[in-house]
Amino acid sequence: DTKRLFRALDEGLEARGYTLSETPDFFIDIKSVE
């Protein structure tokens, strides 16, 4: 599910013009609870 969420987030950010990078402008942290 983490991989599915990352894939969906990558697609969404890429559609908005953001690029996944080794030297990023910002980092993303994700937490969840049931």
Full PDB file with SEQRES, HELIX, SHEET, SSBOND, CRYST1, ORIGX, SCALE, CONECT and MASTER records, all heavy atoms in Angstrom:
SEQRES   1 A   34  ASP THR LYS ARG LEU PHE ARG ALA LEU ASP GLU GLY LEU          
SEQRES   2 A   34  GLU ALA ARG GLY TYR THR LEU SER GLU THR PRO ASP PHE          
SEQRES   3 A   34  PHE ILE ASP ILE LYS SER VAL GLU                              
HELIX    1 AA1 THR A    2  ALA A   15  1                                  14    
CRYST1    1.000    1.000    1.000  90.00  90.00  90.00 P 1           1          
ORIGX1      1.000000  0.000000  0.000000        0.00000                         
ORIGX2      0.000000  1.000000  0.000000        0.00000                         
ORIGX3      0.000000  0.000000  1.000000        0.00000                         
SCALE1      1.000000  0.000000  0.000000        0.00000                         
SCALE2      0.000000  1.000000  0.000000        0.00000                         
SCALE3      0.000000  0.000000  1.000000        0.00000                         
ATOM      1  N   ASP A   1       0.830  -1.214   0.000  1.00  0.00           N  
ATOM      2  CA  ASP A   1       0.000   0.000   0.000  1.00  0.00           C  
ATOM      3  C   ASP A   1       0.863   1.263   0.000  1.00  0.00           C  
ATOM      4  O   ASP A   1       0.508   2.266  -0.618  1.00  0.00           O  
ATOM      5  CB  ASP A   1      -0.955   0.014   1.193  1.00  0.00           C  
ATOM      6  CG  ASP A   1      -2.170  -0.876   0.968  1.00  0.00           C  
ATOM      7  OD1 ASP A   1      -2.418  -1.271  -0.188  1.00  0.00           O  
ATOM      8  OD2 ASP A   1      -2.872  -1.171   1.953  1.00  0.00           O  
ATOM      9  N   THR A   2       2.014   1.216   0.679  1.00  0.00           N  
ATOM     10  CA  THR A   2       2.926   2.365   0.658  1.00  0.00           C  
ATOM     11  C   THR A   2       3.411   2.617  -0.765  1.00  0.00           C  
ATOM     12  O   THR A   2       3.443   3.763  -1.228  1.00  0.00           O  
ATOM     13  CB  THR A   2       4.121   2.126   1.600  1.00  0.00           C  
ATOM     14  OG1 THR A   2       3.616   1.967   2.934  1.00  0.00           O  
ATOM     15  CG2 THR A   2       5.088   3.294   1.572  1.00  0.00           C  
ATOM     16  N   LYS A   3       3.768   1.560  -1.487  1.00  0.00           N  
ATOM     17  CA  LYS A   3       4.194   1.717  -2.887  1.00  0.00           C  
ATOM     18  C   LYS A   3       3.065   2.275  -3.743  1.00  0.00           C  
ATOM     19  O   LYS A   3       3.295   3.134  -4.599  1.00  0.00           O  
ATOM     20  CB  LYS A   3       4.665   0.376  -3.441  1.00  0.00           C  
ATOM     21  CG  LYS A   3       5.986  -0.082  -2.873  1.00  0.00           C  
ATOM     22  CD  LYS A   3       6.377  -1.443  -3.413  1.00  0.00           C  
ATOM     23  CE  LYS A   3       7.631  -1.953  -2.736  1.00  0.00           C  
ATOM     24  NZ  LYS A   3       7.992  -3.307  -3.184  1.00  0.00           N  
ATOM     25  N   ARG A   4       1.843   1.789  -3.519  1.00  0.00           N  
ATOM     26  CA  ARG A   4       0.694   2.306  -4.279  1.00  0.00           C  
ATOM     27  C   ARG A   4       0.485   3.797  -4.011  1.00  0.00           C  
ATOM     28  O   ARG A   4       0.230   4.573  -4.927  1.00  0.00           O  
ATOM     29  CB  ARG A   4      -0.573   1.539  -3.900  1.00  0.00           C  
ATOM     30  CG  ARG A   4      -0.607   0.125  -4.395  1.00  0.00           C  
ATOM     31  CD  ARG A   4      -1.907  -0.579  -3.991  1.00  0.00           C  
ATOM     32  NE  ARG A   4      -1.856  -1.957  -4.380  1.00  0.00           N  
ATOM     33  CZ  ARG A   4      -1.750  -2.990  -3.529  1.00  0.00           C  
ATOM     34  NH1 ARG A   4      -1.725  -2.771  -2.222  1.00  0.00           N  
ATOM     35  NH2 ARG A   4      -1.700  -4.218  -3.978  1.00  0.00           N  
ATOM     36  N   LEU A   5       0.606   4.184  -2.746  1.00  0.00           N  
ATOM     37  CA  LEU A   5       0.426   5.589  -2.387  1.00  0.00           C  
ATOM     38  C   LEU A   5       1.531   6.448  -2.994  1.00  0.00           C  
ATOM     39  O   LEU A   5       1.260   7.519  -3.538  1.00  0.00           O  
ATOM     40  CB  LEU A   5       0.390   5.749  -0.869  1.00  0.00           C  
ATOM     41  CG  LEU A   5       0.174   7.164  -0.344  1.00  0.00           C  
ATOM     42  CD1 LEU A   5      -1.138   7.751  -0.854  1.00  0.00           C  
ATOM     43  CD2 LEU A   5       0.202   7.182   1.173  1.00  0.00           C  
ATOM     44  N   PHE A   6       2.776   5.997  -2.930  1.00  0.00           N  
ATOM     45  CA  PHE A   6       3.893   6.748  -3.530  1.00  0.00           C  
ATOM     46  C   PHE A   6       3.697   6.894  -5.035  1.00  0.00           C  
ATOM     47  O   PHE A   6       3.930   7.965  -5.601  1.00  0.00           O  
ATOM     48  CB  PHE A   6       5.227   6.060  -3.255  1.00  0.00           C  
ATOM     49  CG  PHE A   6       5.756   6.246  -1.855  1.00  0.00           C  
ATOM     50  CD1 PHE A   6       5.082   6.989  -0.907  1.00  0.00           C  
ATOM     51  CD2 PHE A   6       6.949   5.667  -1.485  1.00  0.00           C  
ATOM     52  CE1 PHE A   6       5.566   7.157   0.379  1.00  0.00           C  
ATOM     53  CE2 PHE A   6       7.455   5.825  -0.197  1.00  0.00           C  
ATOM     54  CZ  PHE A   6       6.757   6.569   0.729  1.00  0.00           C  
ATOM     55  N   ARG A   7       3.266   5.813  -5.705  1.00  0.00           N  
ATOM     56  CA  ARG A   7       3.027   5.883  -7.157  1.00  0.00           C  
ATOM     57  C   ARG A   7       1.963   6.920  -7.479  1.00  0.00           C  
ATOM     58  O   ARG A   7       2.119   7.728  -8.395  1.00  0.00           O  
ATOM     59  CB  ARG A   7       2.600   4.509  -7.680  1.00  0.00           C  
ATOM     60  CG  ARG A   7       3.590   3.844  -8.581  1.00  0.00           C  
ATOM     61  CD  ARG A   7       3.073   2.611  -9.301  1.00  0.00           C  
ATOM     62  NE  ARG A   7       2.153   1.773  -8.596  1.00  0.00           N  
ATOM     63  CZ  ARG A   7       2.484   0.721  -7.849  1.00  0.00           C  
ATOM     64  NH1 ARG A   7       3.740   0.394  -7.698  1.00  0.00           N  
ATOM     65  NH2 ARG A   7       1.554  -0.001  -7.258  1.00  0.00           N  
ATOM     66  N   ALA A   8       0.869   6.886  -6.722  1.00  0.00           N  
ATOM     67  CA  ALA A   8      -0.217   7.849  -6.955  1.00  0.00           C  
ATOM     68  C   ALA A   8       0.255   9.278  -6.695  1.00  0.00           C  
ATOM     69  O   ALA A   8      -0.063  10.190  -7.466  1.00  0.00           O  
ATOM     70  CB  ALA A   8      -1.413   7.515  -6.068  1.00  0.00           C  
ATOM     71  N   LEU A   9       1.049   9.465  -5.645  1.00  0.00           N  
ATOM     72  CA  LEU A   9       1.550  10.801  -5.320  1.00  0.00           C  
ATOM     73  C   LEU A   9       2.551  11.275  -6.378  1.00  0.00           C  
ATOM     74  O   LEU A   9       2.524  12.445  -6.788  1.00  0.00           O  
ATOM     75  CB  LEU A   9       2.180  10.791  -3.929  1.00  0.00           C  
ATOM     76  CG  LEU A   9       2.452  12.136  -3.271  1.00  0.00           C  
ATOM     77  CD1 LEU A   9       1.229  13.029  -3.259  1.00  0.00           C  
ATOM     78  CD2 LEU A   9       2.953  11.920  -1.845  1.00  0.00           C  
ATOM     79  N   ASP A  10       3.412  10.380  -6.840  1.00  0.00           N  
ATOM     80  CA  ASP A  10       4.351  10.736  -7.914  1.00  0.00           C  
ATOM     81  C   ASP A  10       3.604  11.180  -9.166  1.00  0.00           C  
ATOM     82  O   ASP A  10       3.947  12.196  -9.785  1.00  0.00           O  
ATOM     83  CB  ASP A  10       5.269   9.556  -8.258  1.00  0.00           C  
ATOM     84  CG  ASP A  10       6.318   9.282  -7.202  1.00  0.00           C  
ATOM     85  OD1 ASP A  10       6.595  10.177  -6.374  1.00  0.00           O  
ATOM     86  OD2 ASP A  10       6.871   8.157  -7.195  1.00  0.00           O  
ATOM     87  N   GLU A  11       2.564  10.432  -9.547  1.00  0.00           N  
ATOM     88  CA  GLU A  11       1.782  10.789 -10.732  1.00  0.00           C  
ATOM     89  C   GLU A  11       1.097  12.146 -10.551  1.00  0.00           C  
ATOM     90  O   GLU A  11       1.079  12.970 -11.466  1.00  0.00           O  
ATOM     91  CB  GLU A  11       0.737   9.713 -11.021  1.00  0.00           C  
ATOM     92  CG  GLU A  11       1.313   8.411 -11.515  1.00  0.00           C  
ATOM     93  CD  GLU A  11       0.271   7.300 -11.608  1.00  0.00           C  
ATOM     94  OE1 GLU A  11      -0.943   7.572 -11.409  1.00  0.00           O  
ATOM     95  OE2 GLU A  11       0.667   6.147 -11.871  1.00  0.00           O  
ATOM     96  N   GLY A  12       0.534  12.365  -9.379  1.00  0.00           N  
ATOM     97  CA  GLY A  12      -0.159  13.625  -9.113  1.00  0.00           C  
ATOM     98  C   GLY A  12       0.776  14.821  -9.111  1.00  0.00           C  
ATOM     99  O   GLY A  12       0.456  15.872  -9.669  1.00  0.00           O  
ATOM    100  N   LEU A  13       1.939  14.675  -8.483  1.00  0.00           N  
ATOM    101  CA  LEU A  13       2.900  15.784  -8.453  1.00  0.00           C  
ATOM    102  C   LEU A  13       3.514  16.027  -9.830  1.00  0.00           C  
ATOM    103  O   LEU A  13       3.725  17.172 -10.226  1.00  0.00           O  
ATOM    104  CB  LEU A  13       3.989  15.509  -7.407  1.00  0.00           C  
ATOM    105  CG  LEU A  13       3.528  15.651  -5.956  1.00  0.00           C  
ATOM    106  CD1 LEU A  13       4.585  15.121  -5.000  1.00  0.00           C  
ATOM    107  CD2 LEU A  13       3.198  17.102  -5.626  1.00  0.00           C  
ATOM    108  N   GLU A  14       3.786  14.938 -10.548  1.00  0.00           N  
ATOM    109  CA  GLU A  14       4.342  15.088 -11.901  1.00  0.00           C  
ATOM    110  C   GLU A  14       3.362  15.836 -12.806  1.00  0.00           C  
ATOM    111  O   GLU A  14       3.764  16.684 -13.606  1.00  0.00           O  
ATOM    112  CB  GLU A  14       4.653  13.706 -12.486  1.00  0.00           C  
ATOM    113  CG  GLU A  14       5.329  13.757 -13.840  1.00  0.00           C  
ATOM    114  CD  GLU A  14       5.635  12.359 -14.353  1.00  0.00           C  
ATOM    115  OE1 GLU A  14       6.396  11.650 -13.682  1.00  0.00           O  
ATOM    116  OE2 GLU A  14       5.104  12.000 -15.428  1.00  0.00           O  
ATOM    117  N   ALA A  15       2.075  15.547 -12.668  1.00  0.00           N  
ATOM    118  CA  ALA A  15       1.050  16.238 -13.463  1.00  0.00           C  
ATOM    119  C   ALA A  15       0.998  17.725 -13.145  1.00  0.00           C  
ATOM    120  O   ALA A  15       0.569  18.531 -13.969  1.00  0.00           O  
ATOM    121  CB  ALA A  15      -0.318  15.603 -13.224  1.00  0.00           C  
ATOM    122  N   ARG A  16       1.467  18.112 -11.956  1.00  0.00           N  
ATOM    123  CA  ARG A  16       1.498  19.525 -11.555  1.00  0.00           C  
ATOM    124  C   ARG A  16       2.855  20.166 -11.818  1.00  0.00           C  
ATOM    125  O   ARG A  16       3.094  21.292 -11.406  1.00  0.00           O  
ATOM    126  CB  ARG A  16       1.132  19.648 -10.081  1.00  0.00           C  
ATOM    127  CG  ARG A  16      -0.339  19.435  -9.841  1.00  0.00           C  
ATOM    128  CD  ARG A  16      -0.665  19.381  -8.367  1.00  0.00           C  
ATOM    129  NE  ARG A  16      -2.095  19.383  -8.126  1.00  0.00           N  
ATOM    130  CZ  ARG A  16      -2.927  18.395  -8.410  1.00  0.00           C  
ATOM    131  NH1 ARG A  16      -2.465  17.301  -8.956  1.00  0.00           N  
ATOM    132  NH2 ARG A  16      -4.218  18.494  -8.164  1.00  0.00           N  
ATOM    133  N   GLY A  17       3.773  19.432 -12.444  1.00  0.00           N  
ATOM    134  CA  GLY A  17       5.056  20.010 -12.838  1.00  0.00           C  
ATOM    135  C   GLY A  17       6.195  19.797 -11.852  1.00  0.00           C  
ATOM    136  O   GLY A  17       7.246  20.411 -11.998  1.00  0.00           O  
ATOM    137  N   TYR A  18       6.015  18.939 -10.859  1.00  0.00           N  
ATOM    138  CA  TYR A  18       7.079  18.664  -9.892  1.00  0.00           C  
ATOM    139  C   TYR A  18       7.843  17.413 -10.313  1.00  0.00           C  
ATOM    140  O   TYR A  18       7.289  16.511 -10.937  1.00  0.00           O  
ATOM    141  CB  TYR A  18       6.493  18.487  -8.487  1.00  0.00           C  
ATOM    142  CG  TYR A  18       5.845  19.747  -7.985  1.00  0.00           C  
ATOM    143  CD1 TYR A  18       4.493  19.990  -8.202  1.00  0.00           C  
ATOM    144  CD2 TYR A  18       6.580  20.706  -7.309  1.00  0.00           C  
ATOM    145  CE1 TYR A  18       3.887  21.147  -7.762  1.00  0.00           C  
ATOM    146  CE2 TYR A  18       5.990  21.877  -6.862  1.00  0.00           C  
ATOM    147  CZ  TYR A  18       4.648  22.086  -7.097  1.00  0.00           C  
ATOM    148  OH  TYR A  18       4.057  23.251  -6.663  1.00  0.00           O  
ATOM    149  N   THR A  19       9.126  17.367  -9.949  1.00  0.00           N  
ATOM    150  CA  THR A  19      10.002  16.273 -10.360  1.00  0.00           C  
ATOM    151  C   THR A  19      10.613  15.606  -9.133  1.00  0.00           C  
ATOM    152  O   THR A  19      11.087  16.293  -8.223  1.00  0.00           O  
ATOM    153  CB  THR A  19      11.141  16.812 -11.253  1.00  0.00           C  
ATOM    154  OG1 THR A  19      10.567  17.569 -12.316  1.00  0.00           O  
ATOM    155  CG2 THR A  19      11.975  15.690 -11.816  1.00  0.00           C  
ATOM    156  N   LEU A  20      10.648  14.278  -9.156  1.00  0.00           N  
ATOM    157  CA  LEU A  20      11.329  13.508  -8.115  1.00  0.00           C  
ATOM    158  C   LEU A  20      12.827  13.679  -8.316  1.00  0.00           C  
ATOM    159  O   LEU A  20      13.323  13.554  -9.431  1.00  0.00           O  
ATOM    160  CB  LEU A  20      10.942  12.033  -8.228  1.00  0.00           C  
ATOM    161  CG  LEU A  20      11.476  11.084  -7.173  1.00  0.00           C  
ATOM    162  CD1 LEU A  20      10.923  11.436  -5.797  1.00  0.00           C  
ATOM    163  CD2 LEU A  20      11.104   9.649  -7.525  1.00  0.00           C  
ATOM    164  N   SER A  21      13.562  14.006  -7.242  1.00  0.00           N  
ATOM    165  CA  SER A  21      14.981  14.330  -7.376  1.00  0.00           C  
ATOM    166  C   SER A  21      15.777  13.807  -6.183  1.00  0.00           C  
ATOM    167  O   SER A  21      15.249  13.689  -5.079  1.00  0.00           O  
ATOM    168  CB  SER A  21      15.141  15.856  -7.469  1.00  0.00           C  
ATOM    169  OG  SER A  21      16.494  16.228  -7.396  1.00  0.00           O  
ATOM    170  N   GLU A  22      17.059  13.524  -6.416  1.00  0.00           N  
ATOM    171  CA  GLU A  22      17.961  13.130  -5.329  1.00  0.00           C  
ATOM    172  C   GLU A  22      18.386  14.339  -4.500  1.00  0.00           C  
ATOM    173  O   GLU A  22      18.811  14.197  -3.360  1.00  0.00           O  
ATOM    174  CB  GLU A  22      19.192  12.414  -5.894  1.00  0.00           C  
ATOM    175  CG  GLU A  22      18.884  11.042  -6.464  1.00  0.00           C  
ATOM    176  CD  GLU A  22      18.327  10.076  -5.426  1.00  0.00           C  
ATOM    177  OE1 GLU A  22      18.833  10.050  -4.283  1.00  0.00           O  
ATOM    178  OE2 GLU A  22      17.350   9.369  -5.746  1.00  0.00           O  
ATOM    179  N   THR A  23      18.315  15.523  -5.081  1.00  0.00           N  
ATOM    180  CA  THR A  23      18.615  16.773  -4.352  1.00  0.00           C  
ATOM    181  C   THR A  23      17.362  17.661  -4.411  1.00  0.00           C  
ATOM    182  O   THR A  23      17.302  18.619  -5.176  1.00  0.00           O  
ATOM    183  CB  THR A  23      19.822  17.503  -4.980  1.00  0.00           C  
ATOM    184  OG1 THR A  23      19.541  17.731  -6.369  1.00  0.00           O  
ATOM    185  CG2 THR A  23      21.088  16.680  -4.828  1.00  0.00           C  
ATOM    186  N   PRO A  24      16.358  17.324  -3.595  1.00  0.00           N  
ATOM    187  CA  PRO A  24      15.052  17.983  -3.719  1.00  0.00           C  
ATOM    188  C   PRO A  24      14.997  19.345  -3.040  1.00  0.00           C  
ATOM    189  O   PRO A  24      15.776  19.659  -2.148  1.00  0.00           O  
ATOM    190  CB  PRO A  24      14.123  17.003  -3.002  1.00  0.00           C  
ATOM    191  CG  PRO A  24      14.991  16.397  -1.950  1.00  0.00           C  
ATOM    192  CD  PRO A  24      16.352  16.273  -2.582  1.00  0.00           C  
ATOM    193  N   ASP A  25      14.010  20.116  -3.486  1.00  0.00           N  
ATOM    194  CA  ASP A  25      13.688  21.380  -2.832  1.00  0.00           C  
ATOM    195  C   ASP A  25      12.925  21.135  -1.529  1.00  0.00           C  
ATOM    196  O   ASP A  25      13.009  21.930  -0.602  1.00  0.00           O  
ATOM    197  CB  ASP A  25      12.830  22.257  -3.745  1.00  0.00           C  
ATOM    198  CG  ASP A  25      13.556  22.658  -5.025  1.00  0.00           C  
ATOM    199  OD1 ASP A  25      14.794  22.805  -4.984  1.00  0.00           O  
ATOM    200  OD2 ASP A  25      12.875  22.805  -6.058  1.00  0.00           O  
ATOM    201  N   PHE A  26      12.159  20.040  -1.491  1.00  0.00           N  
ATOM    202  CA  PHE A  26      11.422  19.687  -0.272  1.00  0.00           C  
ATOM    203  C   PHE A  26      11.274  18.176  -0.160  1.00  0.00           C  
ATOM    204  O   PHE A  26      11.386  17.449  -1.144  1.00  0.00           O  
ATOM    205  CB  PHE A  26      10.065  20.392  -0.199  1.00  0.00           C  
ATOM    206  CG  PHE A  26       9.063  19.968  -1.238  1.00  0.00           C  
ATOM    207  CD1 PHE A  26       8.141  18.964  -0.970  1.00  0.00           C  
ATOM    208  CD2 PHE A  26       9.004  20.599  -2.473  1.00  0.00           C  
ATOM    209  CE1 PHE A  26       7.200  18.588  -1.913  1.00  0.00           C  
ATOM    210  CE2 PHE A  26       8.065  20.235  -3.422  1.00  0.00           C  
ATOM    211  CZ  PHE A  26       7.164  19.227  -3.143  1.00  0.00           C  
ATOM    212  N   PHE A  27      11.042  17.744   1.075  1.00  0.00           N  
ATOM    213  CA  PHE A  27      10.822  16.328   1.363  1.00  0.00           C  
ATOM    214  C   PHE A  27       9.363  16.105   1.744  1.00  0.00           C  
ATOM    215  O   PHE A  27       8.688  17.009   2.245  1.00  0.00           O  
ATOM    216  CB  PHE A  27      11.715  15.868   2.521  1.00  0.00           C  
ATOM    217  CG  PHE A  27      13.150  15.715   2.153  1.00  0.00           C  
ATOM    218  CD1 PHE A  27      14.037  16.764   2.329  1.00  0.00           C  
ATOM    219  CD2 PHE A  27      13.629  14.525   1.621  1.00  0.00           C  
ATOM    220  CE1 PHE A  27      15.363  16.643   1.996  1.00  0.00           C  
ATOM    221  CE2 PHE A  27      14.960  14.387   1.290  1.00  0.00           C  
ATOM    222  CZ  PHE A  27      15.833  15.441   1.469  1.00  0.00           C  
ATOM    223  N   ILE A  28       8.907  14.873   1.530  1.00  0.00           N  
ATOM    224  CA  ILE A  28       7.543  14.495   1.879  1.00  0.00           C  
ATOM    225  C   ILE A  28       7.595  13.434   2.968  1.00  0.00           C  
ATOM    226  O   ILE A  28       8.341  12.458   2.858  1.00  0.00           O  
ATOM    227  CB  ILE A  28       6.787  13.953   0.654  1.00  0.00           C  
ATOM    228  CG1 ILE A  28       6.712  15.030  -0.430  1.00  0.00           C  
ATOM    229  CG2 ILE A  28       5.397  13.466   1.050  1.00  0.00           C  
ATOM    230  CD1 ILE A  28       6.113  14.549  -1.733  1.00  0.00           C  
ATOM    231  N   ASP A  29       6.800  13.642   4.005  1.00  0.00           N  
ATOM    232  CA  ASP A  29       6.633  12.654   5.067  1.00  0.00           C  
ATOM    233  C   ASP A  29       5.166  12.244   5.087  1.00  0.00           C  
ATOM    234  O   ASP A  29       4.286  13.088   4.915  1.00  0.00           O  
ATOM    235  CB  ASP A  29       7.048  13.233   6.423  1.00  0.00           C  
ATOM    236  CG  ASP A  29       7.175  12.170   7.494  1.00  0.00           C  
ATOM    237  OD1 ASP A  29       7.219  10.964   7.157  1.00  0.00           O  
ATOM    238  OD2 ASP A  29       7.216  12.532   8.685  1.00  0.00           O  
ATOM    239  N   ILE A  30       4.923  10.956   5.278  1.00  0.00           N  
ATOM    240  CA  ILE A  30       3.555  10.435   5.275  1.00  0.00           C  
ATOM    241  C   ILE A  30       3.366   9.564   6.510  1.00  0.00           C  
ATOM    242  O   ILE A  30       4.192   8.704   6.805  1.00  0.00           O  
ATOM    243  CB  ILE A  30       3.276   9.607   4.005  1.00  0.00           C  
ATOM    244  CG1 ILE A  30       3.403  10.494   2.768  1.00  0.00           C  
ATOM    245  CG2 ILE A  30       1.902   8.960   4.075  1.00  0.00           C  
ATOM    246  CD1 ILE A  30       3.329   9.747   1.463  1.00  0.00           C  
ATOM    247  N   LYS A  31       2.272   9.793   7.209  1.00  0.00           N  
ATOM    248  CA  LYS A  31       1.894   8.986   8.363  1.00  0.00           C  
ATOM    249  C   LYS A  31       0.427   8.629   8.211  1.00  0.00           C  
ATOM    250  O   LYS A  31      -0.342   9.416   7.655  1.00  0.00           O  
ATOM    251  CB  LYS A  31       2.072   9.763   9.664  1.00  0.00           C  
ATOM    252  CG  LYS A  31       3.458  10.269   9.931  1.00  0.00           C  
ATOM    253  CD  LYS A  31       3.462  11.151  11.179  1.00  0.00           C  
ATOM    254  CE  LYS A  31       4.716  11.952  11.252  1.00  0.00           C  
ATOM    255  NZ  LYS A  31       4.563  13.353  10.992  1.00  0.00           N  
ATOM    256  N   SER A  32       0.051   7.467   8.718  1.00  0.00           N  
ATOM    257  CA  SER A  32      -1.374   7.128   8.686  1.00  0.00           C  
ATOM    258  C   SER A  32      -1.746   6.323   9.908  1.00  0.00           C  
ATOM    259  O   SER A  32      -0.898   5.700  10.551  1.00  0.00           O  
ATOM    260  CB  SER A  32      -1.726   6.355   7.407  1.00  0.00           C  
ATOM    261  OG  SER A  32      -1.258   5.037   7.493  1.00  0.00           O  
ATOM    262  N   VAL A  33      -3.026   6.343  10.198  1.00  0.00           N  
ATOM    263  CA  VAL A  33      -3.563   5.590  11.325  1.00  0.00           C  
ATOM    264  C   VAL A  33      -4.952   5.088  10.937  1.00  0.00           C  
ATOM    265  O   VAL A  33      -5.702   5.764  10.238  1.00  0.00           O  
ATOM    266  CB  VAL A  33      -3.604   6.446  12.613  1.00  0.00           C  
ATOM    267  CG1 VAL A  33      -4.558   7.602  12.480  1.00  0.00           C  
ATOM    268  CG2 VAL A  33      -3.931   5.597  13.809  1.00  0.00           C  
ATOM    269  N   GLU A  34      -5.249   3.888  11.379  1.00  0.00           N  
ATOM    270  CA  GLU A  34      -6.550   3.276  11.147  1.00  0.00           C  
ATOM    271  C   GLU A  34      -7.418   3.538  12.371  1.00  0.00           C  
ATOM    272  O   GLU A  34      -6.921   3.513  13.497  1.00  0.00           O  
ATOM    273  CB  GLU A  34      -6.309   1.776  10.981  1.00  0.00           C  
ATOM    274  CG  GLU A  34      -7.421   0.985  10.413  1.00  0.00           C  
ATOM    275  CD  GLU A  34      -6.996  -0.461  10.231  1.00  0.00           C  
ATOM    276  OE1 GLU A  34      -6.132  -0.730   9.385  1.00  0.00           O  
ATOM    277  OE2 GLU A  34      -7.524  -1.297  10.974  1.00  0.00           O  
TER     278      GLU A  34                                                      
MASTER        0    0    0    1    0    0    0    6  277    1    0    3          
END                                                                             
